[in-house]
Amino acid sequence: MNILLLTASPRANGSTDFMAGAFKRGAEERGNKVAVVRAYDMKVMPCIGCERCKERNGVCVYRDDMSVIMRLLDSTDMLVIASPVYWWGFPAPLKAIIDRLYARDIQKLRVRSSALLMNAYDEDAFESPVGQYIKICDYLRLEIAGIITIGGVREKGGVKKSERIGEVFALGKSIIP
């Protein structure tokens, strides 16, 4: 199975990257192919709701790095999002990418399943972004393979101390190619 792992932290080698790496190791150990894209490395303009993508067969008016992500999604079976919680939501670069998925909508998106990996300072910070993620998956008709949240992450790389990091690896390993 081809998996696109979209990470959404500005901190390289921090907690989000550690979670993403654990998932990736598990998935690759099972024989899956995993491509990683860092949202903060991409230049993606926010959706302006102009609806031109609907007139242009899913092609947005912006010429930016979203075209790279869309090409990857064209050969992706599963989308995995690894993200910290920012202000009870997704970081802006990730939210811009999510909003721009509207261009492909339901019929033109090859991806059929998804998973969410999140970490946050507070244990109770996940309700809003997880709820939004579930609604997005419902709208796009994506099967949710798993949602793993790790709270209480107070320093860079803090998830390494979590007993739940093994669940992230196991989720990756559970994905059948």
C-alpha atoms as a PDB file:
ATOM      1  CA  MET A   1       0.000   0.000   0.000  1.00  0.00           C
ATOM      2  CA  ASN A   2       1.188   3.515  -0.766  1.00  0.00           C
ATOM      3  CA  ILE A   3       0.920   5.810   2.244  1.00  0.00           C
ATOM      4  CA  LEU A   4       1.358   9.575   2.348  1.00  0.00           C
ATOM      5  CA  LEU A   5       2.450  10.683   5.814  1.00  0.00           C
ATOM      6  CA  LEU A   6       1.784  14.395   6.200  1.00  0.00           C
ATOM      7  CA  THR A   7       3.572  15.916   9.195  1.00  0.00           C
ATOM      8  CA  ALA A   8       2.568  19.302  10.554  1.00  0.00           C
ATOM      9  CA  SER A   9       5.121  20.520  13.058  1.00  0.00           C
ATOM     10  CA  PRO A  10       7.682  23.266  12.489  1.00  0.00           C
ATOM     11  CA  ARG A  11      10.071  21.428  14.821  1.00  0.00           C
ATOM     12  CA  ALA A  12      12.248  18.874  13.067  1.00  0.00           C
ATOM     13  CA  ASN A  13      12.923  15.812  15.217  1.00  0.00           C
ATOM     14  CA  GLY A  14      10.322  16.809  17.796  1.00  0.00           C
ATOM     15  CA  SER A  15       7.381  14.867  19.185  1.00  0.00           C
ATOM     16  CA  THR A  16       5.334  14.917  15.978  1.00  0.00           C
ATOM     17  CA  ASP A  17       8.255  13.660  13.893  1.00  0.00           C
ATOM     18  CA  PHE A  18       8.915  10.963  16.473  1.00  0.00           C
ATOM     19  CA  MET A  19       5.300   9.770  16.242  1.00  0.00           C
ATOM     20  CA  ALA A  20       5.472   9.894  12.433  1.00  0.00           C
ATOM     21  CA  GLY A  21       8.730   7.923  12.471  1.00  0.00           C
ATOM     22  CA  ALA A  22       7.261   5.213  14.705  1.00  0.00           C
ATOM     23  CA  PHE A  23       4.269   4.838  12.371  1.00  0.00           C
ATOM     24  CA  LYS A  24       6.528   4.823   9.298  1.00  0.00           C
ATOM     25  CA  ARG A  25       8.801   2.119  10.732  1.00  0.00           C
ATOM     26  CA  GLY A  26       5.829  -0.085  11.525  1.00  0.00           C
ATOM     27  CA  ALA A  27       4.204   0.432   8.118  1.00  0.00           C
ATOM     28  CA  GLU A  28       7.439  -0.176   6.195  1.00  0.00           C
ATOM     29  CA  GLU A  29       8.239  -3.235   8.282  1.00  0.00           C
ATOM     30  CA  ARG A  30       4.915  -4.625   7.056  1.00  0.00           C
ATOM     31  CA  GLY A  31       5.897  -3.923   3.431  1.00  0.00           C
ATOM     32  CA  ASN A  32       4.099  -0.619   2.797  1.00  0.00           C
ATOM     33  CA  LYS A  33       5.670   2.288   0.926  1.00  0.00           C
ATOM     34  CA  VAL A  34       5.604   5.536   2.905  1.00  0.00           C
ATOM     35  CA  ALA A  35       6.257   9.012   1.499  1.00  0.00           C
ATOM     36  CA  VAL A  36       6.678  11.827   4.034  1.00  0.00           C
ATOM     37  CA  VAL A  37       5.751  15.454   3.382  1.00  0.00           C
ATOM     38  CA  ARG A  38       6.387  18.185   5.948  1.00  0.00           C
ATOM     39  CA  ALA A  39       3.583  20.762   5.750  1.00  0.00           C
ATOM     40  CA  TYR A  40       5.892  23.531   6.991  1.00  0.00           C
ATOM     41  CA  ASP A  41       8.247  22.907   4.063  1.00  0.00           C
ATOM     42  CA  MET A  42       5.456  23.405   1.526  1.00  0.00           C
ATOM     43  CA  LYS A  43       4.193  26.720   0.194  1.00  0.00           C
ATOM     44  CA  VAL A  44       0.417  26.257   0.014  1.00  0.00           C
ATOM     45  CA  MET A  45      -1.938  29.182  -0.341  1.00  0.00           C
ATOM     46  CA  PRO A  46      -5.213  29.062   1.592  1.00  0.00           C
ATOM     47  CA  CYS A  47      -8.415  28.181  -0.243  1.00  0.00           C
ATOM     48  CA  ILE A  48     -10.432  31.285  -1.139  1.00  0.00           C
ATOM     49  CA  GLY A  49     -13.636  29.422  -2.016  1.00  0.00           C
ATOM     50  CA  CYS A  50     -13.709  30.663  -5.613  1.00  0.00           C
ATOM     51  CA  GLU A  51     -14.961  27.269  -6.900  1.00  0.00           C
ATOM     52  CA  ARG A  52     -12.698  27.479  -9.973  1.00  0.00           C
ATOM     53  CA  CYS A  53     -11.332  24.025  -9.079  1.00  0.00           C
ATOM     54  CA  LYS A  54     -14.789  22.601  -9.800  1.00  0.00           C
ATOM     55  CA  GLU A  55     -14.724  24.154 -13.284  1.00  0.00           C
ATOM     56  CA  ARG A  56     -11.149  22.982 -13.924  1.00  0.00           C
ATOM     57  CA  ASN A  57     -11.384  19.264 -13.061  1.00  0.00           C
ATOM     58  CA  GLY A  58      -9.891  19.674  -9.601  1.00  0.00           C
ATOM     59  CA  VAL A  59      -7.126  22.091 -10.571  1.00  0.00           C
ATOM     60  CA  CYS A  60      -6.816  25.129  -8.303  1.00  0.00           C
ATOM     61  CA  VAL A  61      -6.157  28.659  -9.534  1.00  0.00           C
ATOM     62  CA  TYR A  62      -3.032  28.795  -7.372  1.00  0.00           C
ATOM     63  CA  ARG A  63       0.235  27.457  -8.742  1.00  0.00           C
ATOM     64  CA  ASP A  64       1.964  26.349  -5.565  1.00  0.00           C
ATOM     65  CA  ASP A  65       3.245  23.258  -3.766  1.00  0.00           C
ATOM     66  CA  MET A  66      -0.261  21.832  -3.424  1.00  0.00           C
ATOM     67  CA  SER A  67       0.228  20.458  -6.939  1.00  0.00           C
ATOM     68  CA  VAL A  68       3.080  18.314  -5.553  1.00  0.00           C
ATOM     69  CA  ILE A  69       0.830  17.032  -2.775  1.00  0.00           C
ATOM     70  CA  MET A  70      -2.007  16.320  -5.225  1.00  0.00           C
ATOM     71  CA  ARG A  71       0.348  14.305  -7.467  1.00  0.00           C
ATOM     72  CA  LEU A  72       1.380  12.262  -4.434  1.00  0.00           C
ATOM     73  CA  LEU A  73      -2.267  11.745  -3.471  1.00  0.00           C
ATOM     74  CA  ASP A  74      -2.952  10.464  -6.994  1.00  0.00           C
ATOM     75  CA  SER A  75      -0.823   7.416  -6.169  1.00  0.00           C
ATOM     76  CA  THR A  76      -1.720   7.161  -2.468  1.00  0.00           C
ATOM     77  CA  ASP A  77      -4.029   4.621  -0.878  1.00  0.00           C
ATOM     78  CA  MET A  78      -3.827   6.012   2.661  1.00  0.00           C
ATOM     79  CA  LEU A  79      -3.284   9.473   4.137  1.00  0.00           C
ATOM     80  CA  VAL A  80      -1.779   9.696   7.613  1.00  0.00           C
ATOM     81  CA  ILE A  81      -1.688  13.045   9.392  1.00  0.00           C
ATOM     82  CA  ALA A  82       0.797  13.600  12.219  1.00  0.00           C
ATOM     83  CA  SER A  83       0.291  16.914  13.984  1.00  0.00           C
ATOM     84  CA  PRO A  84       0.629  18.833  17.201  1.00  0.00           C
ATOM     85  CA  VAL A  85      -2.420  20.697  18.494  1.00  0.00           C
ATOM     86  CA  TYR A  86      -2.166  24.458  18.005  1.00  0.00           C
ATOM     87  CA  TRP A  87      -4.790  26.605  19.679  1.00  0.00           C
ATOM     88  CA  TRP A  88      -7.239  23.663  19.866  1.00  0.00           C
ATOM     89  CA  GLY A  89      -6.836  22.936  16.161  1.00  0.00           C
ATOM     90  CA  PHE A  90      -4.480  22.069  13.338  1.00  0.00           C
ATOM     91  CA  PRO A  91      -1.427  24.236  12.565  1.00  0.00           C
ATOM     92  CA  ALA A  92      -2.051  26.733   9.733  1.00  0.00           C
ATOM     93  CA  PRO A  93       0.082  25.011   7.041  1.00  0.00           C
ATOM     94  CA  LEU A  94      -1.785  21.731   7.594  1.00  0.00           C
ATOM     95  CA  LYS A  95      -5.169  23.468   7.633  1.00  0.00           C
ATOM     96  CA  ALA A  96      -4.355  25.117   4.292  1.00  0.00           C
ATOM     97  CA  ILE A  97      -3.579  21.694   2.782  1.00  0.00           C
ATOM     98  CA  ILE A  98      -6.743  20.158   4.235  1.00  0.00           C
ATOM     99  CA  ASP A  99      -8.869  23.023   2.874  1.00  0.00           C
ATOM    100  CA  ARG A 100      -7.329  22.651  -0.574  1.00  0.00           C
ATOM    101  CA  LEU A 101      -8.360  18.958  -0.693  1.00  0.00           C
ATOM    102  CA  TYR A 102     -11.766  20.409  -1.566  1.00  0.00           C
ATOM    103  CA  ALA A 103     -10.469  20.725  -5.136  1.00  0.00           C
ATOM    104  CA  ARG A 104     -10.518  16.943  -5.459  1.00  0.00           C
ATOM    105  CA  ASP A 105     -13.606  16.399  -3.357  1.00  0.00           C
ATOM    106  CA  ILE A 106     -15.166  12.953  -3.112  1.00  0.00           C
ATOM    107  CA  GLN A 107     -15.072  11.503  -6.619  1.00  0.00           C
ATOM    108  CA  LYS A 108     -11.551  12.476  -7.613  1.00  0.00           C
ATOM    109  CA  LEU A 109      -9.613  11.502  -4.487  1.00  0.00           C
ATOM    110  CA  ARG A 110      -7.923   8.104  -4.747  1.00  0.00           C
ATOM    111  CA  VAL A 111      -7.198   7.857  -1.022  1.00  0.00           C
ATOM    112  CA  ARG A 112      -9.560   5.443   0.729  1.00  0.00           C
ATOM    113  CA  SER A 113      -8.328   5.397   4.335  1.00  0.00           C
ATOM    114  CA  SER A 114      -6.667   7.657   6.853  1.00  0.00           C
ATOM    115  CA  ALA A 115      -5.157   7.821  10.335  1.00  0.00           C
ATOM    116  CA  LEU A 116      -4.451  10.668  12.731  1.00  0.00           C
ATOM    117  CA  LEU A 117      -1.512  10.972  15.125  1.00  0.00           C
ATOM    118  CA  MET A 118      -1.604  13.983  17.457  1.00  0.00           C
ATOM    119  CA  ASN A 119       0.260  15.319  20.450  1.00  0.00           C
ATOM    120  CA  ALA A 120      -0.399  18.252  22.728  1.00  0.00           C
ATOM    121  CA  TYR A 121       0.700  19.949  25.904  1.00  0.00           C
ATOM    122  CA  ASP A 122      -2.714  19.485  27.511  1.00  0.00           C
ATOM    123  CA  GLU A 123      -4.502  16.159  27.870  1.00  0.00           C
ATOM    124  CA  ASP A 124      -7.832  17.783  26.999  1.00  0.00           C
ATOM    125  CA  ALA A 125      -6.792  19.601  23.805  1.00  0.00           C
ATOM    126  CA  PHE A 126      -7.883  16.960  21.297  1.00  0.00           C
ATOM    127  CA  GLU A 127     -11.668  17.246  21.149  1.00  0.00           C
ATOM    128  CA  SER A 128     -11.848  19.981  18.491  1.00  0.00           C
ATOM    129  CA  PRO A 129      -9.161  18.765  16.026  1.00  0.00           C
ATOM    130  CA  VAL A 130     -10.179  15.114  16.343  1.00  0.00           C
ATOM    131  CA  GLY A 131     -13.813  16.075  15.790  1.00  0.00           C
ATOM    132  CA  GLN A 132     -12.854  18.060  12.712  1.00  0.00           C
ATOM    133  CA  TYR A 133     -10.738  15.158  11.424  1.00  0.00           C
ATOM    134  CA  ILE A 134     -13.648  12.729  11.820  1.00  0.00           C
ATOM    135  CA  LYS A 135     -15.961  15.095   9.916  1.00  0.00           C
ATOM    136  CA  ILE A 136     -13.387  15.500   7.118  1.00  0.00           C
ATOM    137  CA  CYS A 137     -13.007  11.720   6.804  1.00  0.00           C
ATOM    138  CA  ASP A 138     -16.777  11.309   6.779  1.00  0.00           C
ATOM    139  CA  TYR A 139     -17.157  13.924   4.032  1.00  0.00           C
ATOM    140  CA  LEU A 140     -14.361  12.411   1.916  1.00  0.00           C
ATOM    141  CA  ARG A 141     -15.620   8.880   2.641  1.00  0.00           C
ATOM    142  CA  LEU A 142     -12.300   7.827   4.153  1.00  0.00           C
ATOM    143  CA  GLU A 143     -12.165   4.820   6.423  1.00  0.00           C
ATOM    144  CA  ILE A 144     -10.442   5.767   9.678  1.00  0.00           C
ATOM    145  CA  ALA A 145      -7.707   3.226  10.408  1.00  0.00           C
ATOM    146  CA  GLY A 146      -6.868   4.798  13.762  1.00  0.00           C
ATOM    147  CA  ILE A 147      -6.613   7.912  15.887  1.00  0.00           C
ATOM    148  CA  ILE A 148      -3.852   8.116  18.474  1.00  0.00           C
ATOM    149  CA  THR A 149      -3.481  11.149  20.730  1.00  0.00           C
ATOM    150  CA  ILE A 150      -0.714  11.687  23.247  1.00  0.00           C
ATOM    151  CA  GLY A 151      -1.230  14.495  25.752  1.00  0.00           C
ATOM    152  CA  GLY A 152       1.038  15.910  28.413  1.00  0.00           C
ATOM    153  CA  VAL A 153       3.866  16.532  25.939  1.00  0.00           C
ATOM    154  CA  ARG A 154       5.667  19.445  27.532  1.00  0.00           C
ATOM    155  CA  GLU A 155       9.073  19.426  25.878  1.00  0.00           C
ATOM    156  CA  LYS A 156      10.545  18.721  22.445  1.00  0.00           C
ATOM    157  CA  GLY A 157      10.528  14.977  21.909  1.00  0.00           C
ATOM    158  CA  GLY A 158       8.392  14.421  25.002  1.00  0.00           C
ATOM    159  CA  VAL A 159       6.347  11.657  23.364  1.00  0.00           C
ATOM    160  CA  LYS A 160       9.371   9.391  23.628  1.00  0.00           C
ATOM    161  CA  LYS A 161       8.477   8.989  27.311  1.00  0.00           C
ATOM    162  CA  SER A 162       4.867   8.039  26.568  1.00  0.00           C
ATOM    163  CA  GLU A 163       3.740   4.469  26.991  1.00  0.00           C
ATOM    164  CA  ARG A 164       1.439   5.047  23.995  1.00  0.00           C
ATOM    165  CA  ILE A 165       4.245   5.403  21.435  1.00  0.00           C
ATOM    166  CA  GLY A 166       4.165   1.625  20.985  1.00  0.00           C
ATOM    167  CA  GLU A 167       0.565   1.980  19.812  1.00  0.00           C
ATOM    168  CA  VAL A 168       1.736   4.290  17.020  1.00  0.00           C
ATOM    169  CA  PHE A 169       4.243   1.687  15.791  1.00  0.00           C
ATOM    170  CA  ALA A 170       1.578  -1.032  16.089  1.00  0.00           C
ATOM    171  CA  LEU A 171      -0.885   1.036  14.059  1.00  0.00           C
ATOM    172  CA  GLY A 172       1.697   1.374  11.285  1.00  0.00           C
ATOM    173  CA  LYS A 173       2.414  -2.332  11.435  1.00  0.00           C
ATOM    174  CA  SER A 174      -1.324  -3.132  11.246  1.00  0.00           C
ATOM    175  CA  ILE A 175      -1.654  -1.584   7.776  1.00  0.00           C
ATOM    176  CA  ILE A 176      -1.849  -4.450   5.289  1.00  0.00           C
ATOM    177  CA  PRO A 177      -0.090  -3.740   1.973  1.00  0.00           C
END
